[in-house]
Amino acid sequence: SIVRVKTGEVPTVAIDSPAETDSFYLGDLIEVEITAGDSDGFLTQVLIYNGDTALGFAQLLGGDEYRYTLDTKSLISVEGSSVLAVGTINLMAEARDNSGNVVTSDFVAVDLQARPAGEIPTVDSFTLNVGGSVIASGGSFTSGESLEITVTASDTAPGTISYVEIFN
């Protein structure tokens, strides 16, 4: 742990979960649970890192409990550089207090694996309806008309579909 003391007491910070050596699939959401506090003031931020790369700020849940949701799908690339890849993620939390004191947690190493080929979700059907009529691939419609998009997706055990994204 790194400790920088400006004035007063140093804050405390620890990652409660995930546990060391937990495994996740690329594309999963990882809930990072943190306990952090300051005995003689208040915390101004709790920041989560993968190694020395900042991932984002944890949200205060109440008391000294914080949470950061690591979306391993959306953080594959930030500003053209890889943030996450299959392998070990070295999670660390950094707490900063109102006096400028900064402390970091111990690293928690978790395993990020590629999802096995048989477990990749699939889009089974995609239908675009305009005014009750199905629009075929390459078809057109008039601007301002109401669109109804129907998507059917499936996943094999142990997965579930948490959301479907539609891109232009």
C-alpha atoms as a PDB file:
ATOM      1  CA  SER A   1       0.000   0.000   0.000  1.00  0.00           C
ATOM      2  CA  ILE A   2       1.057   3.558  -0.743  1.00  0.00           C
ATOM      3  CA  VAL A   3       0.396   6.215   1.924  1.00  0.00           C
ATOM      4  CA  ARG A   4       0.808   9.983   1.486  1.00  0.00           C
ATOM      5  CA  VAL A   5       0.119  11.999   4.655  1.00  0.00           C
ATOM      6  CA  LYS A   6      -0.625  15.708   4.340  1.00  0.00           C
ATOM      7  CA  THR A   7      -2.401  16.470   7.652  1.00  0.00           C
ATOM      8  CA  GLY A   8      -4.505  14.473  10.069  1.00  0.00           C
ATOM      9  CA  GLU A   9      -5.270  10.782   9.948  1.00  0.00           C
ATOM     10  CA  VAL A  10      -4.785   8.690   6.824  1.00  0.00           C
ATOM     11  CA  PRO A  11      -7.997   7.210   5.360  1.00  0.00           C
ATOM     12  CA  THR A  12      -8.519   3.453   5.106  1.00  0.00           C
ATOM     13  CA  VAL A  13      -9.510   1.455   2.027  1.00  0.00           C
ATOM     14  CA  ALA A  14      -9.911  -2.245   1.221  1.00  0.00           C
ATOM     15  CA  ILE A  15     -11.501  -4.257  -1.586  1.00  0.00           C
ATOM     16  CA  ASP A  16     -13.998  -6.675  -0.026  1.00  0.00           C
ATOM     17  CA  SER A  17     -15.029  -8.423  -3.227  1.00  0.00           C
ATOM     18  CA  PRO A  18     -14.316  -9.917  -5.639  1.00  0.00           C
ATOM     19  CA  ALA A  19     -11.957 -12.282  -3.866  1.00  0.00           C
ATOM     20  CA  GLU A  20      -8.425 -13.022  -4.946  1.00  0.00           C
ATOM     21  CA  THR A  21      -8.414 -15.596  -7.792  1.00  0.00           C
ATOM     22  CA  ASP A  22     -12.144 -15.206  -8.645  1.00  0.00           C
ATOM     23  CA  SER A  23     -12.809 -15.839 -12.352  1.00  0.00           C
ATOM     24  CA  PHE A  24     -15.013 -13.909 -14.765  1.00  0.00           C
ATOM     25  CA  TYR A  25     -15.737 -13.959 -18.484  1.00  0.00           C
ATOM     26  CA  LEU A  26     -14.883 -11.087 -20.818  1.00  0.00           C
ATOM     27  CA  GLY A  27     -18.209  -9.263 -21.181  1.00  0.00           C
ATOM     28  CA  ASP A  28     -19.320  -9.845 -17.560  1.00  0.00           C
ATOM     29  CA  LEU A  29     -20.194  -7.144 -15.055  1.00  0.00           C
ATOM     30  CA  ILE A  30     -17.928  -7.375 -12.001  1.00  0.00           C
ATOM     31  CA  GLU A  31     -19.244  -5.750  -8.817  1.00  0.00           C
ATOM     32  CA  VAL A  32     -16.253  -4.379  -6.886  1.00  0.00           C
ATOM     33  CA  GLU A  33     -17.250  -3.858  -3.238  1.00  0.00           C
ATOM     34  CA  ILE A  34     -15.019  -1.502  -1.222  1.00  0.00           C
ATOM     35  CA  THR A  35     -14.856  -0.418   2.416  1.00  0.00           C
ATOM     36  CA  ALA A  36     -13.270   3.014   2.858  1.00  0.00           C
ATOM     37  CA  GLY A  37     -13.378   5.673   5.549  1.00  0.00           C
ATOM     38  CA  ASP A  38     -11.680   8.614   7.217  1.00  0.00           C
ATOM     39  CA  SER A  39     -11.676   8.971  11.008  1.00  0.00           C
ATOM     40  CA  ASP A  40     -10.988  12.736  11.162  1.00  0.00           C
ATOM     41  CA  GLY A  41     -12.755  14.065   8.091  1.00  0.00           C
ATOM     42  CA  PHE A  42     -14.429  12.696   4.994  1.00  0.00           C
ATOM     43  CA  LEU A  43     -13.468  11.022   1.735  1.00  0.00           C
ATOM     44  CA  THR A  44     -13.557  13.078  -1.436  1.00  0.00           C
ATOM     45  CA  GLN A  45     -13.143  10.108  -3.803  1.00  0.00           C
ATOM     46  CA  VAL A  46     -12.596   6.391  -4.113  1.00  0.00           C
ATOM     47  CA  LEU A  47     -10.998   5.501  -7.450  1.00  0.00           C
ATOM     48  CA  ILE A  48     -10.633   1.974  -8.884  1.00  0.00           C
ATOM     49  CA  TYR A  49      -7.609   0.856 -10.914  1.00  0.00           C
ATOM     50  CA  ASN A  50      -6.509  -2.089 -13.020  1.00  0.00           C
ATOM     51  CA  GLY A  51      -2.803  -1.992 -12.228  1.00  0.00           C
ATOM     52  CA  ASP A  52      -1.871   1.657 -12.773  1.00  0.00           C
ATOM     53  CA  THR A  53      -4.767   2.397 -15.169  1.00  0.00           C
ATOM     54  CA  ALA A  54      -7.700   4.271 -13.596  1.00  0.00           C
ATOM     55  CA  LEU A  55     -11.036   2.620 -14.419  1.00  0.00           C
ATOM     56  CA  GLY A  56     -13.472   4.947 -12.647  1.00  0.00           C
ATOM     57  CA  PHE A  57     -14.908   6.268  -9.396  1.00  0.00           C
ATOM     58  CA  ALA A  58     -16.731   4.063  -6.900  1.00  0.00           C
ATOM     59  CA  GLN A  59     -20.173   5.178  -5.743  1.00  0.00           C
ATOM     60  CA  LEU A  60     -20.940   5.661  -2.049  1.00  0.00           C
ATOM     61  CA  LEU A  61     -23.639   3.217  -0.951  1.00  0.00           C
ATOM     62  CA  GLY A  62     -23.818   4.466   2.637  1.00  0.00           C
ATOM     63  CA  GLY A  63     -21.607   4.540   5.713  1.00  0.00           C
ATOM     64  CA  ASP A  64     -18.196   3.359   4.568  1.00  0.00           C
ATOM     65  CA  GLU A  65     -19.443   1.048   1.783  1.00  0.00           C
ATOM     66  CA  TYR A  66     -18.654   1.794  -1.864  1.00  0.00           C
ATOM     67  CA  ARG A  67     -19.293  -0.048  -5.139  1.00  0.00           C
ATOM     68  CA  TYR A  68     -17.805   0.111  -8.603  1.00  0.00           C
ATOM     69  CA  THR A  69     -19.361  -1.883 -11.440  1.00  0.00           C
ATOM     70  CA  LEU A  70     -16.668  -2.987 -13.858  1.00  0.00           C
ATOM     71  CA  ASP A  71     -18.245  -3.629 -17.268  1.00  0.00           C
ATOM     72  CA  THR A  72     -15.606  -5.803 -18.902  1.00  0.00           C
ATOM     73  CA  LYS A  73     -17.311  -5.391 -22.287  1.00  0.00           C
ATOM     74  CA  SER A  74     -17.263  -1.592 -22.435  1.00  0.00           C
ATOM     75  CA  LEU A  75     -13.709  -1.163 -21.118  1.00  0.00           C
ATOM     76  CA  ILE A  76     -11.960  -3.230 -23.763  1.00  0.00           C
ATOM     77  CA  SER A  77     -10.721  -0.015 -25.400  1.00  0.00           C
ATOM     78  CA  VAL A  78     -10.426   3.505 -24.033  1.00  0.00           C
ATOM     79  CA  GLU A  79      -8.943   6.225 -26.256  1.00  0.00           C
ATOM     80  CA  GLY A  80      -7.503   3.593 -28.591  1.00  0.00           C
ATOM     81  CA  SER A  81      -5.602   1.644 -25.930  1.00  0.00           C
ATOM     82  CA  SER A  82      -6.515  -1.689 -24.409  1.00  0.00           C
ATOM     83  CA  VAL A  83      -7.694  -1.428 -20.799  1.00  0.00           C
ATOM     84  CA  LEU A  84      -8.808  -5.018 -20.283  1.00  0.00           C
ATOM     85  CA  ALA A  85      -7.841  -8.245 -21.970  1.00  0.00           C
ATOM     86  CA  VAL A  86      -8.079 -11.935 -21.217  1.00  0.00           C
ATOM     87  CA  GLY A  87      -5.748 -12.673 -18.310  1.00  0.00           C
ATOM     88  CA  THR A  88      -5.262 -11.273 -14.840  1.00  0.00           C
ATOM     89  CA  ILE A  89      -6.924  -8.040 -13.717  1.00  0.00           C
ATOM     90  CA  ASN A  90      -5.097  -6.400 -10.794  1.00  0.00           C
ATOM     91  CA  LEU A  91      -7.774  -4.395  -9.000  1.00  0.00           C
ATOM     92  CA  MET A  92      -6.775  -1.668  -6.559  1.00  0.00           C
ATOM     93  CA  ALA A  93      -8.778   1.036  -4.774  1.00  0.00           C
ATOM     94  CA  GLU A  94      -7.441   4.489  -3.934  1.00  0.00           C
ATOM     95  CA  ALA A  95      -9.112   6.685  -1.290  1.00  0.00           C
ATOM     96  CA  ARG A  96      -8.500  10.440  -0.981  1.00  0.00           C
ATOM     97  CA  ASP A  97      -9.707  12.511   1.995  1.00  0.00           C
ATOM     98  CA  ASN A  98     -10.548  16.189   2.459  1.00  0.00           C
ATOM     99  CA  SER A  99      -7.007  16.899   3.768  1.00  0.00           C
ATOM    100  CA  GLY A 100      -5.419  15.512   0.584  1.00  0.00           C
ATOM    101  CA  ASN A 101      -4.250  12.256   2.173  1.00  0.00           C
ATOM    102  CA  VAL A 102      -4.206   9.334  -0.260  1.00  0.00           C
ATOM    103  CA  VAL A 103      -4.050   5.626   0.501  1.00  0.00           C
ATOM    104  CA  THR A 104      -4.303   2.562  -1.742  1.00  0.00           C
ATOM    105  CA  SER A 105      -5.595  -0.908  -1.039  1.00  0.00           C
ATOM    106  CA  ASP A 106      -3.705  -4.103  -1.647  1.00  0.00           C
ATOM    107  CA  PHE A 107      -4.101  -5.489  -5.162  1.00  0.00           C
ATOM    108  CA  VAL A 108      -6.760  -8.135  -5.742  1.00  0.00           C
ATOM    109  CA  ALA A 109      -5.938 -10.327  -8.738  1.00  0.00           C
ATOM    110  CA  VAL A 110      -8.924 -11.792 -10.592  1.00  0.00           C
ATOM    111  CA  ASP A 111      -8.930 -13.912 -13.723  1.00  0.00           C
ATOM    112  CA  LEU A 112     -10.656 -12.657 -16.890  1.00  0.00           C
ATOM    113  CA  GLN A 113     -11.337 -15.488 -19.344  1.00  0.00           C
ATOM    114  CA  ALA A 114     -12.616 -15.650 -22.897  1.00  0.00           C
ATOM    115  CA  ARG A 115     -16.174 -16.960 -22.987  1.00  0.00           C
ATOM    116  CA  PRO A 116     -16.223 -20.510 -24.428  1.00  0.00           C
ATOM    117  CA  ALA A 117     -17.480 -20.571 -28.038  1.00  0.00           C
ATOM    118  CA  GLY A 118     -20.613 -22.545 -27.142  1.00  0.00           C
ATOM    119  CA  GLU A 119     -21.646 -19.920 -24.598  1.00  0.00           C
ATOM    120  CA  ILE A 120     -21.748 -16.843 -26.824  1.00  0.00           C
ATOM    121  CA  PRO A 121     -25.253 -15.294 -26.935  1.00  0.00           C
ATOM    122  CA  THR A 122     -26.966 -15.260 -30.317  1.00  0.00           C
ATOM    123  CA  VAL A 123     -29.550 -13.016 -32.000  1.00  0.00           C
ATOM    124  CA  ASP A 124     -32.251 -15.382 -33.224  1.00  0.00           C
ATOM    125  CA  SER A 125     -34.442 -12.838 -35.017  1.00  0.00           C
ATOM    126  CA  PHE A 126     -34.623  -9.111 -35.740  1.00  0.00           C
ATOM    127  CA  THR A 127     -37.764  -7.499 -37.153  1.00  0.00           C
ATOM    128  CA  LEU A 128     -38.431  -3.869 -38.054  1.00  0.00           C
ATOM    129  CA  ASN A 129     -42.105  -2.869 -38.364  1.00  0.00           C
ATOM    130  CA  VAL A 130     -43.343   0.476 -39.667  1.00  0.00           C
ATOM    131  CA  GLY A 131     -47.060   1.145 -39.532  1.00  0.00           C
ATOM    132  CA  GLY A 132     -47.788  -2.576 -39.127  1.00  0.00           C
ATOM    133  CA  SER A 133     -45.667  -3.590 -42.138  1.00  0.00           C
ATOM    134  CA  VAL A 134     -42.419  -5.520 -41.893  1.00  0.00           C
ATOM    135  CA  ILE A 135     -39.519  -3.690 -43.553  1.00  0.00           C
ATOM    136  CA  ALA A 136     -37.164  -6.044 -45.402  1.00  0.00           C
ATOM    137  CA  SER A 137     -33.387  -5.714 -45.311  1.00  0.00           C
ATOM    138  CA  GLY A 138     -32.423  -2.680 -47.384  1.00  0.00           C
ATOM    139  CA  GLY A 139     -36.003  -1.334 -47.237  1.00  0.00           C
ATOM    140  CA  SER A 140     -36.907   2.248 -46.400  1.00  0.00           C
ATOM    141  CA  PHE A 141     -39.446   4.252 -44.445  1.00  0.00           C
ATOM    142  CA  THR A 142     -40.452   7.899 -44.131  1.00  0.00           C
ATOM    143  CA  SER A 143     -38.818  10.101 -41.514  1.00  0.00           C
ATOM    144  CA  GLY A 144     -41.142  10.680 -38.570  1.00  0.00           C
ATOM    145  CA  GLU A 145     -42.890   7.299 -38.815  1.00  0.00           C
ATOM    146  CA  SER A 146     -43.065   5.182 -35.656  1.00  0.00           C
ATOM    147  CA  LEU A 147     -40.759   2.163 -35.642  1.00  0.00           C
ATOM    148  CA  GLU A 148     -41.210  -1.059 -33.743  1.00  0.00           C
ATOM    149  CA  ILE A 149     -38.082  -3.172 -33.370  1.00  0.00           C
ATOM    150  CA  THR A 150     -38.420  -6.746 -32.136  1.00  0.00           C
ATOM    151  CA  VAL A 151     -35.325  -8.756 -31.199  1.00  0.00           C
ATOM    152  CA  THR A 152     -35.193 -12.339 -29.984  1.00  0.00           C
ATOM    153  CA  ALA A 153     -31.889 -13.390 -28.410  1.00  0.00           C
ATOM    154  CA  SER A 154     -30.794 -16.512 -26.554  1.00  0.00           C
ATOM    155  CA  ASP A 155     -27.925 -17.769 -24.452  1.00  0.00           C
ATOM    156  CA  THR A 156     -26.912 -21.207 -23.280  1.00  0.00           C
ATOM    157  CA  ALA A 157     -26.484 -22.106 -19.616  1.00  0.00           C
ATOM    158  CA  PRO A 158     -25.132 -20.638 -17.397  1.00  0.00           C
ATOM    159  CA  GLY A 159     -25.705 -17.303 -19.129  1.00  0.00           C
ATOM    160  CA  THR A 160     -28.697 -15.023 -19.398  1.00  0.00           C
ATOM    161  CA  ILE A 161     -29.391 -12.074 -21.684  1.00  0.00           C
ATOM    162  CA  SER A 162     -29.097  -8.902 -19.594  1.00  0.00           C
ATOM    163  CA  TYR A 163     -29.580  -6.406 -22.464  1.00  0.00           C
ATOM    164  CA  VAL A 164     -29.596  -6.091 -26.241  1.00  0.00           C
ATOM    165  CA  GLU A 165     -27.863  -3.201 -27.983  1.00  0.00           C
ATOM    166  CA  ILE A 166     -29.030  -1.945 -31.384  1.00  0.00           C
ATOM    167  CA  PHE A 167     -26.570   0.000 -33.507  1.00  0.00           C
ATOM    168  CA  ASN A 168     -27.074   2.227 -36.521  1.00  0.00           C
END
